[in-house]
């Protein structure tokens, strides 16, 4: 996700609009320890999201959209925060998640095949009705 932001960063409303999340979801991510670092605050105390924050939130959104449980997202974030030396743990988590995503994708593909077959049956039946012999 290429991110071009003003030097002051984005407000929570602007960050929500940019990420497609709600302000409440962004606050939840912060409160639940899913972010890599505390979001910077302006002198007024308002949150100011920077490019690094948005890139990380984009990854979190993708992990969640592909079904990664919050506990695993939290664990992954903790490993990233812990820095060098945690790469093997991060890789294990991502590989396990990839296996789960591929398994679900295979199931969905199988289900889609059944739907496609059923559509074919109805299309054939309608074609026979429209073309009298």
C-alpha atoms as a PDB file:
ATOM      1  CA  UNK A   1       0.000   0.000   0.000  1.00  0.00           C
ATOM      2  CA  UNK A   2       1.784   3.159  -1.143  1.00  0.00           C
ATOM      3  CA  UNK A   3       1.195   5.836   1.430  1.00  0.00           C
ATOM      4  CA  UNK A   4       1.648   9.551   0.813  1.00  0.00           C
ATOM      5  CA  UNK A   5       0.741  11.531   3.920  1.00  0.00           C
ATOM      6  CA  UNK A   6       1.093  15.069   5.142  1.00  0.00           C
ATOM      7  CA  UNK A   7       4.060  15.563   7.513  1.00  0.00           C
ATOM      8  CA  UNK A   8       1.650  15.898  10.434  1.00  0.00           C
ATOM      9  CA  UNK A   9       0.151  12.469   9.715  1.00  0.00           C
ATOM     10  CA  UNK A  10      -3.530  11.605   9.492  1.00  0.00           C
ATOM     11  CA  UNK A  11      -6.269  12.074  12.038  1.00  0.00           C
ATOM     12  CA  UNK A  12      -8.109   8.964  13.154  1.00  0.00           C
ATOM     13  CA  UNK A  13     -11.035   9.878  10.876  1.00  0.00           C
ATOM     14  CA  UNK A  14      -8.719  10.267   7.887  1.00  0.00           C
ATOM     15  CA  UNK A  15      -6.875   7.046   8.760  1.00  0.00           C
ATOM     16  CA  UNK A  16     -10.208   5.244   9.026  1.00  0.00           C
ATOM     17  CA  UNK A  17     -11.248   6.540   5.603  1.00  0.00           C
ATOM     18  CA  UNK A  18      -7.888   5.579   4.104  1.00  0.00           C
ATOM     19  CA  UNK A  19      -7.916   2.044   5.564  1.00  0.00           C
ATOM     20  CA  UNK A  20     -11.617   1.295   5.164  1.00  0.00           C
ATOM     21  CA  UNK A  21     -11.933   0.624   8.894  1.00  0.00           C
ATOM     22  CA  UNK A  22     -13.933   2.535  11.463  1.00  0.00           C
ATOM     23  CA  UNK A  23     -12.379   4.806  14.060  1.00  0.00           C
ATOM     24  CA  UNK A  24     -13.607   2.320  16.662  1.00  0.00           C
ATOM     25  CA  UNK A  25     -11.759  -0.520  14.900  1.00  0.00           C
ATOM     26  CA  UNK A  26      -8.537   1.536  14.849  1.00  0.00           C
ATOM     27  CA  UNK A  27      -8.902   2.269  18.567  1.00  0.00           C
ATOM     28  CA  UNK A  28      -9.554  -1.440  19.193  1.00  0.00           C
ATOM     29  CA  UNK A  29      -6.416  -2.443  17.264  1.00  0.00           C
ATOM     30  CA  UNK A  30      -4.412  -0.027  19.387  1.00  0.00           C
ATOM     31  CA  UNK A  31      -6.015  -1.032  22.686  1.00  0.00           C
ATOM     32  CA  UNK A  32      -5.695  -4.765  21.984  1.00  0.00           C
ATOM     33  CA  UNK A  33      -1.973  -4.635  21.271  1.00  0.00           C
ATOM     34  CA  UNK A  34      -2.251  -5.288  17.548  1.00  0.00           C
ATOM     35  CA  UNK A  35      -0.223  -2.278  16.452  1.00  0.00           C
ATOM     36  CA  UNK A  36       3.555  -2.241  16.385  1.00  0.00           C
ATOM     37  CA  UNK A  37       3.869   0.897  18.461  1.00  0.00           C
ATOM     38  CA  UNK A  38       1.658   3.463  20.117  1.00  0.00           C
ATOM     39  CA  UNK A  39       0.135   5.840  17.588  1.00  0.00           C
ATOM     40  CA  UNK A  40       1.828   9.231  17.716  1.00  0.00           C
ATOM     41  CA  UNK A  41      -0.199  12.001  19.360  1.00  0.00           C
ATOM     42  CA  UNK A  42      -0.415  15.642  18.392  1.00  0.00           C
ATOM     43  CA  UNK A  43       0.057  18.324  21.039  1.00  0.00           C
ATOM     44  CA  UNK A  44      -3.735  18.308  21.381  1.00  0.00           C
ATOM     45  CA  UNK A  45      -3.616  14.610  22.291  1.00  0.00           C
ATOM     46  CA  UNK A  46      -5.310  13.510  19.074  1.00  0.00           C
ATOM     47  CA  UNK A  47      -3.933  10.463  17.294  1.00  0.00           C
ATOM     48  CA  UNK A  48      -1.766  11.086  14.223  1.00  0.00           C
ATOM     49  CA  UNK A  49      -1.271   8.081  11.976  1.00  0.00           C
ATOM     50  CA  UNK A  50       1.919   7.839   9.960  1.00  0.00           C
ATOM     51  CA  UNK A  51       2.726   5.847   6.813  1.00  0.00           C
ATOM     52  CA  UNK A  52       4.260   3.010   8.835  1.00  0.00           C
ATOM     53  CA  UNK A  53       1.059   2.736  10.887  1.00  0.00           C
ATOM     54  CA  UNK A  54      -1.091   2.521   7.752  1.00  0.00           C
ATOM     55  CA  UNK A  55       1.129  -0.109   6.130  1.00  0.00           C
ATOM     56  CA  UNK A  56       0.903  -2.236   9.271  1.00  0.00           C
ATOM     57  CA  UNK A  57      -2.873  -1.756   9.524  1.00  0.00           C
ATOM     58  CA  UNK A  58      -3.151  -2.823   5.862  1.00  0.00           C
ATOM     59  CA  UNK A  59      -1.335  -6.073   6.698  1.00  0.00           C
ATOM     60  CA  UNK A  60      -3.517  -6.633   9.780  1.00  0.00           C
ATOM     61  CA  UNK A  61      -6.619  -6.110   7.658  1.00  0.00           C
ATOM     62  CA  UNK A  62      -5.396  -8.666   5.137  1.00  0.00           C
ATOM     63  CA  UNK A  63      -4.568 -11.206   7.844  1.00  0.00           C
ATOM     64  CA  UNK A  64      -8.011 -10.771   9.387  1.00  0.00           C
ATOM     65  CA  UNK A  65      -9.753 -10.855   5.992  1.00  0.00           C
ATOM     66  CA  UNK A  66      -8.105 -14.210   5.318  1.00  0.00           C
ATOM     67  CA  UNK A  67      -9.341 -15.574   8.636  1.00  0.00           C
ATOM     68  CA  UNK A  68      -6.343 -15.255  10.939  1.00  0.00           C
ATOM     69  CA  UNK A  69      -7.654 -15.325  14.524  1.00  0.00           C
ATOM     70  CA  UNK A  70      -7.034 -12.220  16.633  1.00  0.00           C
ATOM     71  CA  UNK A  71      -4.864 -14.254  19.040  1.00  0.00           C
ATOM     72  CA  UNK A  72      -2.536 -15.148  16.162  1.00  0.00           C
ATOM     73  CA  UNK A  73      -2.508 -11.574  14.854  1.00  0.00           C
ATOM     74  CA  UNK A  74      -1.626 -10.421  18.377  1.00  0.00           C
ATOM     75  CA  UNK A  75       1.146 -13.032  18.574  1.00  0.00           C
ATOM     76  CA  UNK A  76       2.492 -12.028  15.164  1.00  0.00           C
ATOM     77  CA  UNK A  77       2.495  -8.340  16.168  1.00  0.00           C
ATOM     78  CA  UNK A  78       4.350  -9.195  19.384  1.00  0.00           C
ATOM     79  CA  UNK A  79       6.981 -11.120  17.423  1.00  0.00           C
ATOM     80  CA  UNK A  80       7.466  -8.214  15.009  1.00  0.00           C
ATOM     81  CA  UNK A  81       7.744  -5.795  17.943  1.00  0.00           C
ATOM     82  CA  UNK A  82      10.352  -8.063  19.529  1.00  0.00           C
ATOM     83  CA  UNK A  83      12.502  -7.489  16.448  1.00  0.00           C
ATOM     84  CA  UNK A  84      15.415  -9.492  15.055  1.00  0.00           C
ATOM     85  CA  UNK A  85      15.668 -13.070  16.209  1.00  0.00           C
ATOM     86  CA  UNK A  86      11.922 -13.692  15.925  1.00  0.00           C
ATOM     87  CA  UNK A  87      11.857 -14.331  12.174  1.00  0.00           C
ATOM     88  CA  UNK A  88      11.471 -18.108  12.551  1.00  0.00           C
ATOM     89  CA  UNK A  89       8.419 -17.653  14.765  1.00  0.00           C
ATOM     90  CA  UNK A  90       6.906 -15.141  12.338  1.00  0.00           C
ATOM     91  CA  UNK A  91       7.557 -17.485   9.428  1.00  0.00           C
ATOM     92  CA  UNK A  92       5.952 -20.410  11.275  1.00  0.00           C
ATOM     93  CA  UNK A  93       2.849 -18.343  12.008  1.00  0.00           C
ATOM     94  CA  UNK A  94       2.514 -17.126   8.429  1.00  0.00           C
ATOM     95  CA  UNK A  95       3.116 -20.588   6.970  1.00  0.00           C
ATOM     96  CA  UNK A  96       0.455 -22.095   9.236  1.00  0.00           C
ATOM     97  CA  UNK A  97      -1.943 -19.336   8.225  1.00  0.00           C
ATOM     98  CA  UNK A  98      -1.152 -19.898   4.543  1.00  0.00           C
ATOM     99  CA  UNK A  99      -1.980 -23.609   4.978  1.00  0.00           C
ATOM    100  CA  UNK A 100      -5.332 -22.682   6.532  1.00  0.00           C
ATOM    101  CA  UNK A 101      -6.095 -20.182   3.758  1.00  0.00           C
ATOM    102  CA  UNK A 102      -5.187 -22.713   1.049  1.00  0.00           C
ATOM    103  CA  UNK A 103      -7.360 -25.378   2.711  1.00  0.00           C
ATOM    104  CA  UNK A 104     -10.317 -22.970   2.859  1.00  0.00           C
ATOM    105  CA  UNK A 105      -9.675 -21.880  -0.719  1.00  0.00           C
ATOM    106  CA  UNK A 106      -9.745 -25.520  -1.866  1.00  0.00           C
ATOM    107  CA  UNK A 107     -13.046 -26.041  -0.034  1.00  0.00           C
ATOM    108  CA  UNK A 108     -14.544 -22.922  -1.558  1.00  0.00           C
ATOM    109  CA  UNK A 109     -13.336 -23.968  -5.005  1.00  0.00           C
ATOM    110  CA  UNK A 110     -15.020 -27.349  -4.518  1.00  0.00           C
ATOM    111  CA  UNK A 111     -18.251 -25.663  -3.422  1.00  0.00           C
ATOM    112  CA  UNK A 112     -18.050 -23.318  -6.391  1.00  0.00           C
ATOM    113  CA  UNK A 113     -17.726 -26.328  -8.681  1.00  0.00           C
ATOM    114  CA  UNK A 114     -20.976 -27.735  -7.273  1.00  0.00           C
ATOM    115  CA  UNK A 115     -22.699 -24.397  -7.846  1.00  0.00           C
ATOM    116  CA  UNK A 116     -21.345 -24.222 -11.402  1.00  0.00           C
ATOM    117  CA  UNK A 117     -22.651 -27.734 -12.119  1.00  0.00           C
ATOM    118  CA  UNK A 118     -26.086 -26.816 -10.796  1.00  0.00           C
ATOM    119  CA  UNK A 119     -26.129 -23.629 -12.902  1.00  0.00           C
ATOM    120  CA  UNK A 120     -25.253 -25.757 -15.940  1.00  0.00           C
ATOM    121  CA  UNK A 121     -28.178 -28.075 -15.232  1.00  0.00           C
ATOM    122  CA  UNK A 122     -30.629 -25.147 -15.049  1.00  0.00           C
ATOM    123  CA  UNK A 123     -29.172 -23.452 -18.123  1.00  0.00           C
ATOM    124  CA  UNK A 124     -29.479 -26.718 -20.075  1.00  0.00           C
ATOM    125  CA  UNK A 125     -33.056 -27.190 -18.854  1.00  0.00           C
ATOM    126  CA  UNK A 126     -34.000 -23.643 -19.911  1.00  0.00           C
ATOM    127  CA  UNK A 127     -32.332 -24.064 -23.291  1.00  0.00           C
ATOM    128  CA  UNK A 128     -34.367 -27.248 -23.908  1.00  0.00           C
ATOM    129  CA  UNK A 129     -37.612 -25.402 -23.023  1.00  0.00           C
ATOM    130  CA  UNK A 130     -36.743 -22.473 -25.320  1.00  0.00           C
ATOM    131  CA  UNK A 131     -35.776 -24.742 -28.266  1.00  0.00           C
ATOM    132  CA  UNK A 132     -38.691 -27.087 -28.955  1.00  0.00           C
ATOM    133  CA  UNK A 133     -37.706 -30.293 -30.711  1.00  0.00           C
END
